[in-house]
Amino acid sequence: MSALEADVLIQGAGPAGACAALNLAPFRRVLLLDRQPAPPRRIGESLPPAARRLLADMGLWDDFLRQGHRPCHGNRSVWGGLAAEQDFLRDPDGHGWHLDRARFELWLRQQAVERGAALLAPASAAAVAAEDSGWRVTLRTPAGPRQVHARVLIDAGGRAATLARKLGARRQPGDRLVCGWLYGHDRGEADNGLSRIEAAEHGWWYSAALPDRQRVLAFHTDADLAAARRLREPGWLVDAAARLPELGALLHRTGFAAAMPAELAAAHSARTSPAAGPGWFAVGDAALSFDPLSSQGLFNALYTGLAAAEAADGSLNGDAAAVADYQRALDAIGAAYRRHLDAWYGEERRWPTATFWRRRQPA
């Protein structure tokens, strides 16, 4: 069987990979792969107001508005012993969004296909070898191995960054943060559209109302702490949240009821070094992974998907600076993220002997 031919092969059809694909597909032959035949259930549904500009730049804004996602009007936090609200009334981009994550991901995949990308799922890159004019990729598919020749590779495979690591990159984790989370439904008082954050002795909590009266509830701590082991106990997440002064009162007012057992997900900061090289780029979590406290994960996925599409197109057109320019942009994002995260964690000093907070205080 002859090898498939593609200008760009993208591993991972989540938000970052789909954005790269939909921006390249009108001009290039794009093959988009994903291990899952459909977007899986996962946490990560906060989209800040600035995402409006990215969606508009990609020609997605009007269709996005028809998807029925829920406006996010700001944040309410209990942090450092103070309760504070930050609304988006003065934001020039308006309000943000709380998404139905699975609906959002499926829509982005469809946009990529409608613009001309070929989607192969389930499938993944099992092996990669350099060739004179690009890469020879061996795919793992349900029908057996397939060969693809691609001129450029994009790793959008999430925190594992398996494709980038096959090309010699290294993952550099910054901490051991994990997230216990679940979805449920509000059956009582309507929510006012604010994200909720509340610090506790061994980590911090998050909750937000989603479309169709769904709600997400999450707790973040370090993987090696006793609190992380409690996350695996049936019912612990909901019971512990109910005892919190602020979040517990909110869950009581809204009549929250869990709809699934708690799941555990990696939530640590990490970077891939390098995140690009001759003929390849990493995007989204495969390039930079963000602590969810920053609310940058989805925005970064959209931004790097678009930026890598432009860099890949430039590289195919012979732009020798495309790889270095993309890497410099990621370095700047990573440095700004680290400064802001350190400043925010540094504001919480109520538990100076608790390991979780001691690890996050300035030296």
Protein backbone atom coordinates (compact mmCIF):
# COMPACT_ATOMS: atom_id res chain seq x y z
CA MET A 1 0.00 0.00 0.00
CA SER A 2 1.42 3.42 -0.96
CA ALA A 3 2.11 6.05 1.69
CA LEU A 4 -0.38 8.82 2.33
CA GLU A 5 0.87 12.29 1.42
CA ALA A 6 0.32 15.36 3.60
CA ASP A 7 1.87 18.80 3.86
CA VAL A 8 1.13 18.86 7.61
CA LEU A 9 0.39 15.96 9.96
CA ILE A 10 -1.16 16.97 13.30
CA GLN A 11 -1.21 14.55 16.23
CA GLY A 12 -4.16 15.46 18.50
CA ALA A 13 -7.58 16.85 17.51
CA GLY A 14 -8.26 18.79 20.74
CA PRO A 15 -8.61 22.60 20.67
CA ALA A 16 -4.95 23.27 19.80
CA GLY A 17 -4.70 20.65 17.07
CA ALA A 18 -8.08 21.45 15.57
CA CYS A 19 -7.23 25.17 15.46
CA ALA A 20 -3.95 24.45 13.70
CA ALA A 21 -5.80 22.21 11.24
CA LEU A 22 -8.68 24.57 10.43
CA ASN A 23 -6.26 27.45 9.78
CA LEU A 24 -4.01 25.40 7.51
CA ALA A 25 -6.61 23.30 5.69
CA PRO A 26 -7.73 25.96 3.15
CA PHE A 27 -4.13 26.21 1.85
CA ARG A 28 -2.39 22.90 2.66
CA ARG A 29 -3.02 19.17 2.68
CA VAL A 30 -3.67 18.48 6.38
CA LEU A 31 -4.00 15.10 8.09
CA LEU A 32 -5.42 15.38 11.62
CA LEU A 33 -5.06 12.37 13.95
CA ASP A 34 -6.54 11.59 17.34
CA ARG A 35 -6.39 8.58 19.65
CA GLN A 36 -10.10 9.03 20.48
CA PRO A 37 -12.91 8.64 17.90
CA ALA A 38 -14.79 11.47 19.66
CA PRO A 39 -13.77 14.15 22.21
CA PRO A 40 -13.58 12.54 25.69
CA ARG A 41 -15.09 14.04 28.85
CA ARG A 42 -12.53 16.25 30.58
CA ILE A 43 -12.21 19.37 32.70
CA GLY A 44 -11.08 22.73 31.28
CA GLU A 45 -14.01 24.89 30.18
CA SER A 46 -13.03 28.47 31.01
CA LEU A 47 -12.52 30.81 28.04
CA PRO A 48 -11.44 34.40 28.89
CA PRO A 49 -12.83 37.50 27.10
CA ALA A 50 -9.70 37.90 24.94
CA ALA A 51 -10.59 34.63 23.18
CA ARG A 52 -13.21 36.63 21.27
CA ARG A 53 -10.41 38.19 19.16
CA LEU A 54 -8.85 34.82 18.36
CA LEU A 55 -12.18 33.32 17.34
CA ALA A 56 -12.90 36.35 15.16
CA ASP A 57 -9.44 36.20 13.55
CA MET A 58 -10.06 32.55 12.66
CA GLY A 59 -13.51 33.30 11.20
CA LEU A 60 -15.26 31.32 13.95
CA TRP A 61 -16.96 34.00 16.06
CA ASP A 62 -20.48 34.02 14.62
CA ASP A 63 -20.71 30.24 14.59
CA PHE A 64 -19.29 30.06 18.13
CA LEU A 65 -22.11 32.28 19.38
CA ARG A 66 -24.62 29.77 18.03
CA GLN A 67 -23.15 26.94 20.12
CA GLY A 68 -25.04 27.94 23.29
CA HIS A 69 -22.15 28.28 25.74
CA ARG A 70 -22.68 30.16 29.00
CA PRO A 71 -21.36 33.71 29.60
CA CYS A 72 -18.82 34.11 32.42
CA HIS A 73 -19.12 37.57 33.99
CA GLY A 74 -16.05 37.42 36.23
CA ASN A 75 -14.48 35.68 39.19
CA ARG A 76 -15.18 35.53 42.92
CA SER A 77 -12.32 34.35 45.08
CA VAL A 78 -11.61 33.71 48.74
CA TRP A 79 -7.83 34.01 48.80
CA GLY A 80 -5.43 35.27 51.45
CA GLY A 81 -8.34 35.59 53.88
CA LEU A 82 -10.20 38.09 51.69
CA ALA A 83 -13.30 37.63 49.56
CA ALA A 84 -13.07 39.61 46.31
CA GLU A 85 -14.89 39.89 42.99
CA GLN A 86 -13.42 40.84 39.63
CA ASP A 87 -16.02 41.42 36.94
CA PHE A 88 -15.57 41.87 33.19
CA LEU A 89 -17.72 45.02 32.92
CA ARG A 90 -14.71 47.16 31.94
CA ASP A 91 -13.07 44.55 29.74
CA PRO A 92 -13.01 45.83 26.13
CA ASP A 93 -13.73 42.27 24.92
CA GLY A 94 -16.82 41.88 27.12
CA HIS A 95 -17.49 38.76 29.14
CA GLY A 96 -15.79 35.38 28.98
CA TRP A 97 -17.38 31.95 28.63
CA HIS A 98 -18.02 28.72 30.50
CA LEU A 99 -18.13 26.04 27.82
CA ASP A 100 -19.68 22.70 27.31
CA ARG A 101 -16.15 21.37 26.69
CA ALA A 102 -17.12 18.26 24.70
CA ARG A 103 -19.47 20.29 22.45
CA PHE A 104 -16.74 22.90 21.90
CA GLU A 105 -14.12 20.31 20.93
CA LEU A 106 -16.46 18.47 18.57
CA TRP A 107 -17.36 21.76 16.89
CA LEU A 108 -13.68 22.65 16.33
CA ARG A 109 -13.05 19.21 14.80
CA GLN A 110 -15.99 19.73 12.46
CA GLN A 111 -14.70 23.17 11.46
CA ALA A 112 -11.33 21.65 10.55
CA VAL A 113 -12.98 18.96 8.40
CA GLU A 114 -15.34 21.46 6.73
CA ARG A 115 -12.32 23.56 5.72
CA GLY A 116 -10.66 20.55 4.12
CA ALA A 117 -8.62 18.69 6.75
CA ALA A 118 -8.67 14.88 6.68
CA LEU A 119 -9.50 13.46 10.12
CA LEU A 120 -8.33 9.97 11.06
CA ALA A 121 -9.54 8.81 14.49
CA PRO A 122 -8.69 6.64 16.25
CA ALA A 123 -5.10 6.81 15.03
CA SER A 124 -1.73 7.88 16.40
CA ALA A 125 1.88 8.25 15.31
CA ALA A 126 3.76 5.12 16.38
CA ALA A 127 7.13 5.94 14.81
CA VAL A 128 8.77 8.90 13.05
CA ALA A 129 11.83 9.01 10.83
CA ALA A 130 13.37 12.00 9.03
CA GLU A 131 13.48 11.99 5.24
CA ASP A 132 15.05 14.41 2.78
CA SER A 133 11.81 16.30 2.21
CA GLY A 134 10.09 15.85 5.57
CA TRP A 135 9.07 12.91 7.74
CA ARG A 136 8.08 9.27 7.30
CA VAL A 137 5.42 8.53 9.97
CA THR A 138 4.10 5.08 10.80
CA LEU A 139 0.51 5.30 12.03
CA ARG A 140 -1.17 2.95 14.47
CA THR A 141 -4.80 2.43 13.33
CA PRO A 142 -7.52 -0.18 14.02
CA ALA A 143 -6.95 -1.51 10.47
CA GLY A 144 -3.22 -1.91 11.04
CA PRO A 145 -0.15 0.27 10.42
CA ARG A 146 -0.20 2.93 7.68
CA GLN A 147 2.65 5.00 6.29
CA VAL A 148 2.42 8.78 5.84
CA HIS A 149 4.89 11.17 4.30
CA ALA A 150 4.48 14.65 5.78
CA ARG A 151 6.55 17.80 5.24
CA VAL A 152 5.73 19.28 8.68
CA LEU A 153 4.61 17.71 11.98
CA ILE A 154 2.56 19.38 14.73
CA ASP A 155 2.33 17.80 18.18
CA ALA A 156 -1.05 18.67 19.73
CA GLY A 157 -1.15 15.52 21.80
CA GLY A 158 -1.46 17.14 25.23
CA ARG A 159 0.78 16.92 28.28
CA ALA A 160 2.40 13.67 27.15
CA ALA A 161 3.92 15.45 24.10
CA THR A 162 4.77 12.03 22.69
CA LEU A 163 5.47 13.25 19.16
CA ALA A 164 7.80 16.07 20.31
CA ARG A 165 9.67 13.65 22.55
CA LYS A 166 10.12 11.26 19.63
CA LEU A 167 11.86 14.20 17.92
CA GLY A 168 14.26 14.75 20.82
CA ALA A 169 12.43 17.34 22.96
CA ARG A 170 12.25 17.01 26.75
CA ARG A 171 9.38 17.70 29.14
CA GLN A 172 10.27 19.87 32.14
CA PRO A 173 7.60 19.73 34.91
CA GLY A 174 7.41 22.68 37.32
CA ASP A 175 5.42 21.09 40.15
CA ARG A 176 3.18 18.12 41.04
CA LEU A 177 -0.29 19.67 40.93
CA VAL A 178 -3.23 17.32 40.33
CA CYS A 179 -6.95 18.01 40.07
CA GLY A 180 -9.85 15.95 41.40
CA TRP A 181 -13.01 16.94 39.52
CA LEU A 182 -16.56 15.99 38.64
CA TYR A 183 -19.62 17.32 36.86
CA GLY A 184 -23.09 17.64 38.39
CA HIS A 185 -26.30 19.66 38.12
CA ASP A 186 -27.74 22.72 39.87
CA ARG A 187 -31.33 22.11 40.93
CA GLY A 188 -31.92 25.16 43.10
CA GLU A 189 -31.20 28.89 42.91
CA ALA A 190 -29.74 30.14 39.61
CA ASP A 191 -26.03 31.01 39.57
CA ASN A 192 -24.84 34.56 38.78
CA GLY A 193 -22.22 33.52 36.17
CA LEU A 194 -19.04 33.96 38.25
CA SER A 195 -16.18 31.48 38.51
CA ARG A 196 -15.50 30.54 42.15
CA ILE A 197 -12.07 30.00 43.68
CA GLU A 198 -11.46 29.27 47.36
CA ALA A 199 -8.12 28.50 49.05
CA ALA A 200 -7.89 25.77 51.71
CA GLU A 201 -5.09 24.40 53.87
CA HIS A 202 -3.94 21.73 51.41
CA GLY A 203 -4.84 23.27 48.04
CA TRP A 204 -7.55 25.27 46.32
CA TRP A 205 -11.09 24.75 45.04
CA TYR A 206 -12.83 25.77 41.83
CA SER A 207 -16.41 25.69 40.63
CA ALA A 208 -18.40 27.21 37.77
CA ALA A 209 -21.88 26.88 36.32
CA LEU A 210 -21.94 25.46 32.78
CA PRO A 211 -24.58 25.31 30.02
CA ASP A 212 -27.76 23.33 30.67
CA ARG A 213 -27.52 23.85 34.46
CA GLN A 214 -24.44 21.68 34.70
CA ARG A 215 -21.68 22.57 37.19
CA VAL A 216 -18.05 21.59 37.53
CA LEU A 217 -16.46 21.12 40.97
CA ALA A 218 -12.70 20.64 41.41
CA PHE A 219 -9.98 20.53 44.06
CA HIS A 220 -6.27 21.04 43.32
CA THR A 221 -3.42 19.75 45.45
CA ASP A 222 -0.03 18.07 45.01
CA ALA A 223 0.11 14.43 43.93
CA ASP A 224 2.35 13.38 46.84
CA LEU A 225 0.20 14.89 49.62
CA ALA A 226 -2.39 13.05 51.72
CA ALA A 227 -5.14 15.27 50.28
CA ALA A 228 -4.52 13.75 46.84
CA ARG A 229 -5.21 10.27 48.18
CA ARG A 230 -8.53 11.49 49.62
CA LEU A 231 -9.63 12.45 46.10
CA ARG A 232 -9.95 8.75 45.28
CA GLU A 233 -12.45 8.16 48.11
CA PRO A 234 -16.09 7.95 46.90
CA GLY A 235 -18.01 11.08 47.87
CA TRP A 236 -15.05 12.90 49.45
CA LEU A 237 -14.95 15.76 46.93
CA VAL A 238 -18.59 16.77 47.40
CA ASP A 239 -18.55 16.27 51.19
CA ALA A 240 -15.37 18.33 51.65
CA ALA A 241 -16.67 21.13 49.41
CA ALA A 242 -19.92 21.30 51.38
CA ARG A 243 -17.93 22.15 54.55
CA LEU A 244 -16.23 25.21 52.98
CA PRO A 245 -17.54 28.59 54.21
CA GLU A 246 -18.06 30.19 50.78
CA LEU A 247 -18.22 27.39 48.24
CA GLY A 248 -20.24 25.17 50.56
CA ALA A 249 -22.90 27.87 50.90
CA LEU A 250 -23.01 28.30 47.11
CA LEU A 251 -23.46 24.57 46.48
CA HIS A 252 -26.28 24.53 49.03
CA ARG A 253 -28.07 27.50 47.41
CA THR A 254 -27.77 26.10 43.91
CA GLY A 255 -28.88 22.60 44.98
CA PHE A 256 -25.79 20.98 43.48
CA ALA A 257 -25.89 17.20 42.99
CA ALA A 258 -22.96 15.23 41.57
CA ALA A 259 -23.66 13.27 38.38
CA MET A 260 -20.49 11.16 38.22
CA PRO A 261 -17.69 9.82 40.42
CA ALA A 262 -14.68 12.10 40.85
CA GLU A 263 -11.87 11.75 38.31
CA LEU A 264 -8.21 12.66 38.73
CA ALA A 265 -6.22 14.66 36.17
CA ALA A 266 -2.72 16.11 35.91
CA ALA A 267 -2.73 19.90 36.39
CA HIS A 268 0.96 20.76 36.85
CA SER A 269 2.96 23.43 35.08
CA ALA A 270 5.34 22.07 32.46
CA ARG A 271 7.16 23.09 29.30
CA THR A 272 8.62 21.23 26.37
CA SER A 273 12.15 22.20 25.38
CA PRO A 274 12.54 22.91 22.57
CA ALA A 275 8.89 23.31 21.52
CA ALA A 276 9.77 23.60 17.83
CA GLY A 277 12.52 22.56 15.46
CA PRO A 278 13.15 22.22 11.72
CA GLY A 279 9.96 20.74 10.31
CA TRP A 280 7.98 20.45 13.55
CA PHE A 281 6.04 22.43 16.17
CA ALA A 282 4.38 21.65 19.53
CA VAL A 283 1.13 23.40 20.48
CA GLY A 284 -1.24 23.65 23.47
CA ASP A 285 -0.35 21.51 26.48
CA ALA A 286 2.27 19.70 24.39
CA ALA A 287 4.25 22.97 24.34
CA LEU A 288 3.28 24.73 27.59
CA SER A 289 1.07 23.29 30.35
CA PHE A 290 -0.57 25.77 32.71
CA ASP A 291 -1.74 25.59 36.32
CA PRO A 292 -5.56 25.94 36.06
CA LEU A 293 -5.37 28.88 38.50
CA SER A 294 -4.12 30.95 35.55
CA SER A 295 -7.24 30.18 33.42
CA GLN A 296 -4.92 30.16 30.39
CA GLY A 297 -5.13 26.54 29.24
CA LEU A 298 -7.84 26.80 26.59
CA PHE A 299 -6.78 30.27 25.49
CA ASN A 300 -3.21 29.06 25.01
CA ALA A 301 -4.49 26.08 23.03
CA LEU A 302 -6.33 28.37 20.60
CA TYR A 303 -3.47 30.88 20.38
CA THR A 304 -0.67 28.37 19.83
CA GLY A 305 -2.82 26.43 17.34
CA LEU A 306 -3.20 29.59 15.27
CA ALA A 307 0.43 30.70 15.75
CA ALA A 308 1.82 27.29 14.82
CA ALA A 309 -0.40 27.18 11.72
CA GLU A 310 1.09 30.49 10.59
CA ALA A 311 4.63 29.32 11.42
CA ALA A 312 4.13 25.99 9.62
CA ASP A 313 2.81 27.75 6.54
CA GLY A 314 5.76 30.15 6.66
CA SER A 315 8.18 27.26 7.03
CA LEU A 316 6.66 25.51 3.99
CA ASN A 317 7.07 28.77 2.06
CA GLY A 318 10.78 28.86 2.92
CA ASP A 319 10.72 31.29 5.86
CA ALA A 320 13.92 30.34 7.69
CA ALA A 321 12.95 32.36 10.80
CA ALA A 322 9.54 30.73 11.36
CA VAL A 323 10.75 28.14 13.87
CA ALA A 324 12.82 30.58 15.95
CA ASP A 325 10.05 33.21 15.96
CA TYR A 326 7.53 30.67 17.22
CA GLN A 327 9.89 29.48 19.97
CA ARG A 328 10.54 33.09 21.11
CA ALA A 329 6.80 33.72 21.35
CA LEU A 330 6.39 30.63 23.56
CA ASP A 331 9.33 31.70 25.75
CA ALA A 332 7.70 35.09 26.35
CA ILE A 333 4.36 33.47 27.25
CA GLY A 334 6.09 31.09 29.65
CA ALA A 335 7.99 33.86 31.42
CA ALA A 336 4.88 36.05 31.88
CA TYR A 337 2.87 33.06 33.11
CA ARG A 338 5.49 32.21 35.74
CA ARG A 339 5.60 35.80 37.08
CA HIS A 340 1.83 36.06 37.40
CA LEU A 341 1.42 32.62 38.96
CA ASP A 342 4.12 33.27 41.57
CA ALA A 343 2.51 36.60 42.47
CA TRP A 344 -0.95 35.05 42.88
CA TYR A 345 0.20 32.12 45.03
CA GLY A 346 2.33 34.53 47.06
CA GLU A 347 -0.84 36.34 48.17
CA GLU A 348 -2.03 33.33 50.20
CA ARG A 349 -0.05 33.09 53.49
CA ARG A 350 -2.56 31.70 56.00
CA TRP A 351 -0.98 28.24 56.17
CA PRO A 352 2.81 28.85 56.30
CA THR A 353 3.57 25.32 57.57
CA ALA A 354 1.32 23.48 55.07
CA THR A 355 3.49 21.77 52.46
CA PHE A 356 1.28 22.80 49.51
CA TRP A 357 1.60 26.52 50.27
CA ARG A 358 5.19 26.42 51.53
CA ARG A 359 6.25 25.08 48.12
CA ARG A 360 4.62 28.08 46.42
CA GLN A 361 5.95 30.93 48.58
CA PRO A 362 8.72 33.23 47.29
CA ALA A 363 12.23 32.19 48.39
